Amino acid sequence: MRERRSGRVGTVSGLALLAGGTAVAAVAGGAHSIFATILLGMLAVGMGHALLTEVQRQARRRNVGGWASHDTVNTVLLASWAGGALSATLLVVAPATVRAVGLLLALAYALSCVYFVAERYRTISDPPPAEPREPKSPAQLEAQRPKPDVTGLRPHPEVTSQRQEAPAETV
């Protein structure tokens, strides 16, 4: 089975754009029905959750020795989206609802960027988890389990000494 590449820079940026674009479309459409606005809003929340999940996955990966180039790219892109959303908020020509969504997006992108950097540094500084041990087969578990004395009788000392002297049979 092939290992997946973990350095997916486009995933974080694409999810950020989709979440932001959907949120803006929900409030800026003009002639939307209330159903379409609610549906687009729910879609934007779902995309925001997917973005957060991807940011966590990217930040917590362990197959790279430390801070890599795609970590820098993810950080710069998230910071750029925060700056772009903030600058769109400052435009007076946009309606108030679009500006409000732009402000929320700027805050969300900035928090995502800070969260990514903090989580990445925490992951890099933590020691890797211990290697998982191979699960034992039922036969190995049975061999390790102590055998109960079901009779309650103690063997005669001569019988015990004869058992110890007898050669062991190989199975």
C-alpha atoms as a PDB file:
ATOM      1  CA  MET A   1       0.000   0.000   0.000  1.00  0.00           C
ATOM      2  CA  ARG A   2       1.447   3.345  -0.994  1.00  0.00           C
ATOM      3  CA  GLU A   3       1.857   6.061   1.603  1.00  0.00           C
ATOM      4  CA  ARG A   4      -0.028   9.285   0.926  1.00  0.00           C
ATOM      5  CA  ARG A   5       1.926  12.469   0.422  1.00  0.00           C
ATOM      6  CA  SER A   6       1.384  14.730   3.398  1.00  0.00           C
ATOM      7  CA  GLY A   7       2.530  18.017   1.910  1.00  0.00           C
ATOM      8  CA  ARG A   8      -0.719  19.138   0.329  1.00  0.00           C
ATOM      9  CA  VAL A   9      -0.395  22.889   0.192  1.00  0.00           C
ATOM     10  CA  GLY A  10      -3.314  23.342  -2.170  1.00  0.00           C
ATOM     11  CA  THR A  11      -5.771  21.596   0.135  1.00  0.00           C
ATOM     12  CA  VAL A  12      -5.587  24.211   2.896  1.00  0.00           C
ATOM     13  CA  SER A  13      -5.681  27.106   0.460  1.00  0.00           C
ATOM     14  CA  GLY A  14      -8.488  25.587  -1.599  1.00  0.00           C
ATOM     15  CA  LEU A  15     -10.633  24.904   1.444  1.00  0.00           C
ATOM     16  CA  ALA A  16     -10.015  28.442   2.684  1.00  0.00           C
ATOM     17  CA  LEU A  17     -11.174  29.869  -0.635  1.00  0.00           C
ATOM     18  CA  LEU A  18     -14.214  27.616  -0.831  1.00  0.00           C
ATOM     19  CA  ALA A  19     -15.348  28.440   2.704  1.00  0.00           C
ATOM     20  CA  GLY A  20     -14.859  32.180   2.191  1.00  0.00           C
ATOM     21  CA  GLY A  21     -16.425  32.280  -1.241  1.00  0.00           C
ATOM     22  CA  THR A  22     -19.447  30.318  -0.097  1.00  0.00           C
ATOM     23  CA  ALA A  23     -19.918  32.582   2.924  1.00  0.00           C
ATOM     24  CA  VAL A  24     -19.736  35.704   0.777  1.00  0.00           C
ATOM     25  CA  ALA A  25     -22.110  34.182  -1.787  1.00  0.00           C
ATOM     26  CA  ALA A  26     -24.604  33.488   0.993  1.00  0.00           C
ATOM     27  CA  VAL A  27     -24.908  37.182   1.893  1.00  0.00           C
ATOM     28  CA  ALA A  28     -24.041  38.954  -1.358  1.00  0.00           C
ATOM     29  CA  GLY A  29     -26.350  37.194  -3.769  1.00  0.00           C
ATOM     30  CA  GLY A  30     -29.068  39.815  -3.672  1.00  0.00           C
ATOM     31  CA  ALA A  31     -32.062  37.894  -4.996  1.00  0.00           C
ATOM     32  CA  HIS A  32     -31.490  34.720  -2.938  1.00  0.00           C
ATOM     33  CA  SER A  33     -34.411  33.017  -1.270  1.00  0.00           C
ATOM     34  CA  ILE A  34     -34.079  32.447   2.461  1.00  0.00           C
ATOM     35  CA  PHE A  35     -33.639  28.736   1.719  1.00  0.00           C
ATOM     36  CA  ALA A  36     -30.668  29.402  -0.584  1.00  0.00           C
ATOM     37  CA  THR A  37     -29.077  31.751   1.949  1.00  0.00           C
ATOM     38  CA  ILE A  38     -29.422  29.201   4.760  1.00  0.00           C
ATOM     39  CA  LEU A  39     -28.145  26.412   2.537  1.00  0.00           C
ATOM     40  CA  LEU A  40     -25.095  28.438   1.466  1.00  0.00           C
ATOM     41  CA  GLY A  41     -24.461  29.411   5.086  1.00  0.00           C
ATOM     42  CA  MET A  42     -24.557  25.768   6.164  1.00  0.00           C
ATOM     43  CA  LEU A  43     -22.235  24.873   3.308  1.00  0.00           C
ATOM     44  CA  ALA A  44     -19.805  27.600   4.422  1.00  0.00           C
ATOM     45  CA  VAL A  45     -19.845  26.222   7.987  1.00  0.00           C
ATOM     46  CA  GLY A  46     -19.159  22.722   6.652  1.00  0.00           C
ATOM     47  CA  MET A  47     -16.274  23.988   4.536  1.00  0.00           C
ATOM     48  CA  GLY A  48     -14.921  25.844   7.566  1.00  0.00           C
ATOM     49  CA  HIS A  49     -14.957  22.599   9.517  1.00  0.00           C
ATOM     50  CA  ALA A  50     -13.150  20.824   6.689  1.00  0.00           C
ATOM     51  CA  LEU A  51     -10.568  23.622   6.673  1.00  0.00           C
ATOM     52  CA  LEU A  52     -10.000  23.270  10.421  1.00  0.00           C
ATOM     53  CA  THR A  53      -9.669  19.491  10.101  1.00  0.00           C
ATOM     54  CA  GLU A  54      -7.129  19.858   7.279  1.00  0.00           C
ATOM     55  CA  VAL A  55      -5.150  22.484   9.217  1.00  0.00           C
ATOM     56  CA  GLN A  56      -5.004  20.066  12.181  1.00  0.00           C
ATOM     57  CA  ARG A  57      -3.930  17.177   9.972  1.00  0.00           C
ATOM     58  CA  GLN A  58      -1.217  19.235   8.298  1.00  0.00           C
ATOM     59  CA  ALA A  59       0.045  20.594  11.609  1.00  0.00           C
ATOM     60  CA  ARG A  60       0.132  17.218  13.375  1.00  0.00           C
ATOM     61  CA  ARG A  61       1.929  15.173  10.737  1.00  0.00           C
ATOM     62  CA  ARG A  62       5.101  13.450  11.905  1.00  0.00           C
ATOM     63  CA  ASN A  63       6.688  12.160   8.707  1.00  0.00           C
ATOM     64  CA  VAL A  64       8.699  15.380   8.229  1.00  0.00           C
ATOM     65  CA  GLY A  65      11.669  16.035  10.502  1.00  0.00           C
ATOM     66  CA  GLY A  66      10.710  19.580  11.423  1.00  0.00           C
ATOM     67  CA  TRP A  67       9.385  22.771   9.921  1.00  0.00           C
ATOM     68  CA  ALA A  68       9.255  22.183   6.164  1.00  0.00           C
ATOM     69  CA  SER A  69       8.785  24.462   3.172  1.00  0.00           C
ATOM     70  CA  HIS A  70       5.123  23.525   2.775  1.00  0.00           C
ATOM     71  CA  ASP A  71       4.561  24.614   6.398  1.00  0.00           C
ATOM     72  CA  THR A  72       5.840  28.050   5.439  1.00  0.00           C
ATOM     73  CA  VAL A  73       3.629  28.077   2.343  1.00  0.00           C
ATOM     74  CA  ASN A  74       0.540  27.102   4.366  1.00  0.00           C
ATOM     75  CA  THR A  75       1.285  29.845   6.898  1.00  0.00           C
ATOM     76  CA  VAL A  76       1.841  32.501   4.231  1.00  0.00           C
ATOM     77  CA  LEU A  77      -1.318  31.507   2.353  1.00  0.00           C
ATOM     78  CA  LEU A  78      -3.501  31.592   5.472  1.00  0.00           C
ATOM     79  CA  ALA A  79      -2.038  34.959   6.451  1.00  0.00           C
ATOM     80  CA  SER A  80      -2.607  36.231   2.889  1.00  0.00           C
ATOM     81  CA  TRP A  81      -6.261  35.142   2.964  1.00  0.00           C
ATOM     82  CA  ALA A  82      -6.658  36.930   6.303  1.00  0.00           C
ATOM     83  CA  GLY A  83      -5.141  40.091   4.845  1.00  0.00           C
ATOM     84  CA  GLY A  84      -7.260  39.856   1.706  1.00  0.00           C
ATOM     85  CA  ALA A  85     -10.474  39.394   3.676  1.00  0.00           C
ATOM     86  CA  LEU A  86      -9.554  42.326   5.917  1.00  0.00           C
ATOM     87  CA  SER A  87      -8.820  44.577   2.967  1.00  0.00           C
ATOM     88  CA  ALA A  88     -12.166  43.624   1.363  1.00  0.00           C
ATOM     89  CA  THR A  89     -13.828  44.586   4.644  1.00  0.00           C
ATOM     90  CA  LEU A  90     -12.317  48.054   4.478  1.00  0.00           C
ATOM     91  CA  LEU A  91     -13.808  48.749   1.033  1.00  0.00           C
ATOM     92  CA  VAL A  92     -16.689  51.143   1.424  1.00  0.00           C
ATOM     93  CA  VAL A  93     -18.323  50.068  -1.848  1.00  0.00           C
ATOM     94  CA  ALA A  94     -19.246  46.621  -0.478  1.00  0.00           C
ATOM     95  CA  PRO A  95     -22.592  46.176   1.283  1.00  0.00           C
ATOM     96  CA  ALA A  96     -22.570  46.002   5.090  1.00  0.00           C
ATOM     97  CA  THR A  97     -23.382  42.279   5.131  1.00  0.00           C
ATOM     98  CA  VAL A  98     -20.448  41.479   2.853  1.00  0.00           C
ATOM     99  CA  ARG A  99     -18.156  43.613   4.986  1.00  0.00           C
ATOM    100  CA  ALA A 100     -19.355  41.814   8.140  1.00  0.00           C
ATOM    101  CA  VAL A 101     -18.671  38.424   6.562  1.00  0.00           C
ATOM    102  CA  GLY A 102     -15.275  39.691   5.376  1.00  0.00           C
ATOM    103  CA  LEU A 103     -14.410  40.705   8.934  1.00  0.00           C
ATOM    104  CA  LEU A 104     -15.435  37.265  10.236  1.00  0.00           C
ATOM    105  CA  LEU A 105     -13.402  35.598   7.507  1.00  0.00           C
ATOM    106  CA  ALA A 106     -10.356  37.750   8.273  1.00  0.00           C
ATOM    107  CA  LEU A 107     -10.617  36.753  11.933  1.00  0.00           C
ATOM    108  CA  ALA A 108     -11.136  33.070  11.087  1.00  0.00           C
ATOM    109  CA  TYR A 109      -8.188  32.972   8.663  1.00  0.00           C
ATOM    110  CA  ALA A 110      -5.914  34.765  11.144  1.00  0.00           C
ATOM    111  CA  LEU A 111      -6.899  32.369  13.938  1.00  0.00           C
ATOM    112  CA  SER A 112      -6.375  29.406  11.598  1.00  0.00           C
ATOM    113  CA  CYS A 113      -2.906  30.690  10.757  1.00  0.00           C
ATOM    114  CA  VAL A 114      -1.964  31.170  14.421  1.00  0.00           C
ATOM    115  CA  TYR A 115      -3.434  27.783  15.310  1.00  0.00           C
ATOM    116  CA  PHE A 116      -1.497  26.069  12.512  1.00  0.00           C
ATOM    117  CA  VAL A 117       1.820  27.581  13.591  1.00  0.00           C
ATOM    118  CA  ALA A 118       1.258  26.836  17.297  1.00  0.00           C
ATOM    119  CA  GLU A 119       0.089  23.278  16.652  1.00  0.00           C
ATOM    120  CA  ARG A 120       2.956  22.615  14.234  1.00  0.00           C
ATOM    121  CA  TYR A 121       5.564  23.809  16.718  1.00  0.00           C
ATOM    122  CA  ARG A 122       3.947  21.749  19.470  1.00  0.00           C
ATOM    123  CA  THR A 123       4.001  18.657  17.266  1.00  0.00           C
ATOM    124  CA  ILE A 124       7.629  19.212  16.296  1.00  0.00           C
ATOM    125  CA  SER A 125       8.745  19.716  19.908  1.00  0.00           C
ATOM    126  CA  ASP A 126       6.837  16.719  21.345  1.00  0.00           C
ATOM    127  CA  PRO A 127       8.636  13.378  21.206  1.00  0.00           C
ATOM    128  CA  PRO A 128       7.094  10.909  18.780  1.00  0.00           C
ATOM    129  CA  PRO A 129       4.732   8.352  20.306  1.00  0.00           C
ATOM    130  CA  ALA A 130       6.092   4.930  21.180  1.00  0.00           C
ATOM    131  CA  GLU A 131       5.993   2.360  18.428  1.00  0.00           C
ATOM    132  CA  PRO A 132       2.913   0.168  18.753  1.00  0.00           C
ATOM    133  CA  ARG A 133       3.665  -3.432  19.589  1.00  0.00           C
ATOM    134  CA  GLU A 134       2.529  -6.230  17.351  1.00  0.00           C
ATOM    135  CA  PRO A 135      -0.662  -7.819  18.666  1.00  0.00           C
ATOM    136  CA  LYS A 136      -0.130 -11.313  19.974  1.00  0.00           C
ATOM    137  CA  SER A 137      -1.788 -14.270  18.351  1.00  0.00           C
ATOM    138  CA  PRO A 138      -4.313 -16.314  20.349  1.00  0.00           C
ATOM    139  CA  ALA A 139      -1.767 -19.139  20.578  1.00  0.00           C
ATOM    140  CA  GLN A 140       0.826 -16.798  22.130  1.00  0.00           C
ATOM    141  CA  LEU A 141      -1.722 -15.466  24.595  1.00  0.00           C
ATOM    142  CA  GLU A 142      -2.735 -19.024  25.545  1.00  0.00           C
ATOM    143  CA  ALA A 143       0.881 -20.032  26.115  1.00  0.00           C
ATOM    144  CA  GLN A 144       1.435 -17.082  28.463  1.00  0.00           C
ATOM    145  CA  ARG A 145      -1.675 -17.688  30.549  1.00  0.00           C
ATOM    146  CA  PRO A 146      -1.012 -19.611  33.787  1.00  0.00           C
ATOM    147  CA  LYS A 147      -2.629 -23.020  33.901  1.00  0.00           C
ATOM    148  CA  PRO A 148      -5.040 -23.421  36.822  1.00  0.00           C
ATOM    149  CA  ASP A 149      -4.845 -26.448  39.095  1.00  0.00           C
ATOM    150  CA  VAL A 150      -8.315 -27.869  38.541  1.00  0.00           C
ATOM    151  CA  THR A 151      -7.935 -31.008  40.657  1.00  0.00           C
ATOM    152  CA  GLY A 152      -6.777 -29.334  43.833  1.00  0.00           C
ATOM    153  CA  LEU A 153      -4.420 -32.306  44.378  1.00  0.00           C
ATOM    154  CA  ARG A 154      -0.714 -31.964  44.825  1.00  0.00           C
ATOM    155  CA  PRO A 155       1.483 -34.413  42.932  1.00  0.00           C
ATOM    156  CA  HIS A 156       3.687 -36.761  44.905  1.00  0.00           C
ATOM    157  CA  PRO A 157       7.298 -35.455  45.162  1.00  0.00           C
ATOM    158  CA  GLU A 158       8.664 -38.573  43.397  1.00  0.00           C
ATOM    159  CA  VAL A 159       6.329 -38.000  40.428  1.00  0.00           C
ATOM    160  CA  THR A 160       7.411 -34.362  40.242  1.00  0.00           C
ATOM    161  CA  SER A 161      11.117 -35.303  40.244  1.00  0.00           C
ATOM    162  CA  GLN A 162      10.503 -37.922  37.541  1.00  0.00           C
ATOM    163  CA  ARG A 163       8.801 -35.286  35.367  1.00  0.00           C
ATOM    164  CA  GLN A 164      11.778 -32.983  35.709  1.00  0.00           C
ATOM    165  CA  GLU A 165      14.237 -35.726  34.750  1.00  0.00           C
ATOM    166  CA  ALA A 166      12.285 -36.889  31.706  1.00  0.00           C
ATOM    167  CA  PRO A 167      13.383 -35.356  28.408  1.00  0.00           C
ATOM    168  CA  ALA A 168      11.023 -32.799  27.002  1.00  0.00           C
ATOM    169  CA  GLU A 169       9.078 -33.787  23.933  1.00  0.00           C
ATOM    170  CA  THR A 170       9.225 -31.437  21.009  1.00  0.00           C
ATOM    171  CA  VAL A 171       5.994 -30.605  19.314  1.00  0.00           C
END
